[in-house]
């Protein structure tokens, strides 16, 4: 079972990141594909546009965002399993662009992956 980490896309990639997966629905501003150094852009498992706009990284909405995002992920188990397999046993690093390092979709997704 791979180890799961989360990391901002704006932080420099490192060999210990292993398999890097971007988990944003839209490409991060101001970063090239080379600088992002992701092996997979999993926009289909990112929060829906509606949910992302509603949350707007408001800490007061975190609990409800988490609940709604978990509901969106509920039907994505095959995609999540496929992503784990693509990592090939390497560490899987979920890369995101949010400024908040504690309340973002990568945190929720890591928790789901660890529970599979």
Protein backbone atom coordinates (compact mmCIF):
# COMPACT_ATOMS: atom_id res chain seq x y z
CA UNK A 1 0.00 0.00 0.00
CA UNK A 2 1.48 3.36 -0.99
CA UNK A 3 2.09 6.16 1.46
CA UNK A 4 0.04 9.30 0.82
CA UNK A 5 1.30 12.86 1.17
CA UNK A 6 -0.03 16.27 0.26
CA UNK A 7 1.96 19.21 -1.08
CA UNK A 8 1.32 22.60 -2.63
CA UNK A 9 1.99 22.71 -6.36
CA UNK A 10 4.00 25.90 -5.78
CA UNK A 11 6.49 24.04 -3.58
CA UNK A 12 9.42 22.54 -5.47
CA UNK A 13 8.98 18.93 -6.57
CA UNK A 14 11.32 16.44 -4.94
CA UNK A 15 12.28 12.83 -5.74
CA UNK A 16 10.73 11.69 -2.44
CA UNK A 17 7.33 12.92 -3.71
CA UNK A 18 7.04 9.75 -5.75
CA UNK A 19 3.94 9.74 -7.96
CA UNK A 20 2.63 13.33 -8.11
CA UNK A 21 -1.07 13.85 -8.82
CA UNK A 22 -2.66 17.28 -9.28
CA UNK A 23 -6.07 17.22 -7.59
CA UNK A 24 -7.40 20.62 -8.72
CA UNK A 25 -10.18 20.93 -11.30
CA UNK A 26 -8.52 23.95 -12.92
CA UNK A 27 -4.82 24.32 -13.69
CA UNK A 28 -2.99 26.40 -11.05
CA UNK A 29 -2.21 29.99 -11.98
CA UNK A 30 1.31 30.93 -12.91
CA UNK A 31 2.81 27.46 -13.02
CA UNK A 32 3.96 25.56 -16.08
CA UNK A 33 3.39 21.86 -16.61
CA UNK A 34 7.14 21.34 -16.29
CA UNK A 35 7.31 23.19 -12.96
CA UNK A 36 4.28 21.29 -11.62
CA UNK A 37 6.00 18.00 -12.45
CA UNK A 38 2.83 15.95 -12.09
CA UNK A 39 2.40 12.52 -13.61
CA UNK A 40 -1.39 12.72 -13.50
CA UNK A 41 -3.94 15.53 -13.47
CA UNK A 42 -6.95 14.00 -11.74
CA UNK A 43 -9.42 16.83 -12.31
CA UNK A 44 -12.35 14.39 -12.43
CA UNK A 45 -11.92 13.61 -8.72
CA UNK A 46 -11.44 17.25 -7.69
CA UNK A 47 -14.36 19.06 -6.06
CA UNK A 48 -17.05 20.09 -8.53
CA UNK A 49 -16.96 23.66 -9.80
CA UNK A 50 -20.13 24.42 -7.85
CA UNK A 51 -18.67 23.07 -4.60
CA UNK A 52 -15.34 24.81 -5.11
CA UNK A 53 -17.04 28.17 -5.73
CA UNK A 54 -19.39 27.71 -2.75
CA UNK A 55 -16.53 26.83 -0.37
CA UNK A 56 -14.29 29.68 -1.54
CA UNK A 57 -11.81 28.53 1.15
CA UNK A 58 -13.99 30.03 3.89
CA UNK A 59 -12.89 28.31 7.14
CA UNK A 60 -16.45 28.58 8.49
CA UNK A 61 -17.61 26.33 5.61
CA UNK A 62 -14.91 23.66 6.05
CA UNK A 63 -17.07 21.06 7.81
CA UNK A 64 -19.85 21.31 5.23
CA UNK A 65 -17.33 21.37 2.36
CA UNK A 66 -15.76 18.19 3.69
CA UNK A 67 -19.17 16.49 3.97
CA UNK A 68 -20.20 17.51 0.44
CA UNK A 69 -16.85 16.56 -1.10
CA UNK A 70 -16.97 13.15 0.57
CA UNK A 71 -20.41 12.70 -1.01
CA UNK A 72 -18.95 13.59 -4.43
CA UNK A 73 -16.11 11.11 -3.92
CA UNK A 74 -18.51 8.36 -2.92
CA UNK A 75 -18.97 7.27 -6.55
CA UNK A 76 -15.29 7.57 -7.47
CA UNK A 77 -13.81 4.46 -5.84
CA UNK A 78 -12.79 2.88 -9.18
CA UNK A 79 -10.92 6.05 -10.20
CA UNK A 80 -9.25 6.30 -6.80
CA UNK A 81 -8.18 2.65 -6.92
CA UNK A 82 -6.82 3.13 -10.46
CA UNK A 83 -4.81 6.15 -9.28
CA UNK A 84 -3.34 4.08 -6.42
CA UNK A 85 -2.36 1.36 -8.89
CA UNK A 86 -0.72 3.91 -11.20
CA UNK A 87 1.55 4.91 -8.33
CA UNK A 88 3.01 1.41 -8.57
CA UNK A 89 3.77 1.15 -4.86
CA UNK A 90 5.58 4.49 -4.76
CA UNK A 91 4.57 7.29 -2.39
CA UNK A 92 1.55 9.11 -3.85
CA UNK A 93 1.68 12.88 -3.38
CA UNK A 94 -1.56 14.80 -3.87
CA UNK A 95 -0.64 18.21 -5.25
CA UNK A 96 -2.99 21.19 -4.83
CA UNK A 97 -2.89 24.97 -5.29
CA UNK A 98 -4.89 26.30 -2.30
CA UNK A 99 -3.10 28.59 0.14
CA UNK A 100 -4.66 26.89 3.15
CA UNK A 101 -2.56 23.81 3.88
CA UNK A 102 -4.98 22.38 6.45
CA UNK A 103 -8.43 22.90 4.93
CA UNK A 104 -8.32 21.88 1.27
CA UNK A 105 -9.51 19.04 -0.95
CA UNK A 106 -6.18 17.19 -0.85
CA UNK A 107 -6.59 16.67 2.90
CA UNK A 108 -10.02 15.10 2.38
CA UNK A 109 -8.80 13.00 -0.55
CA UNK A 110 -5.79 11.71 1.41
CA UNK A 111 -8.09 10.61 4.22
CA UNK A 112 -10.29 8.75 1.73
CA UNK A 113 -7.31 7.05 0.06
CA UNK A 114 -5.89 5.97 3.40
CA UNK A 115 -9.24 4.38 4.20
CA UNK A 116 -9.47 2.32 0.98
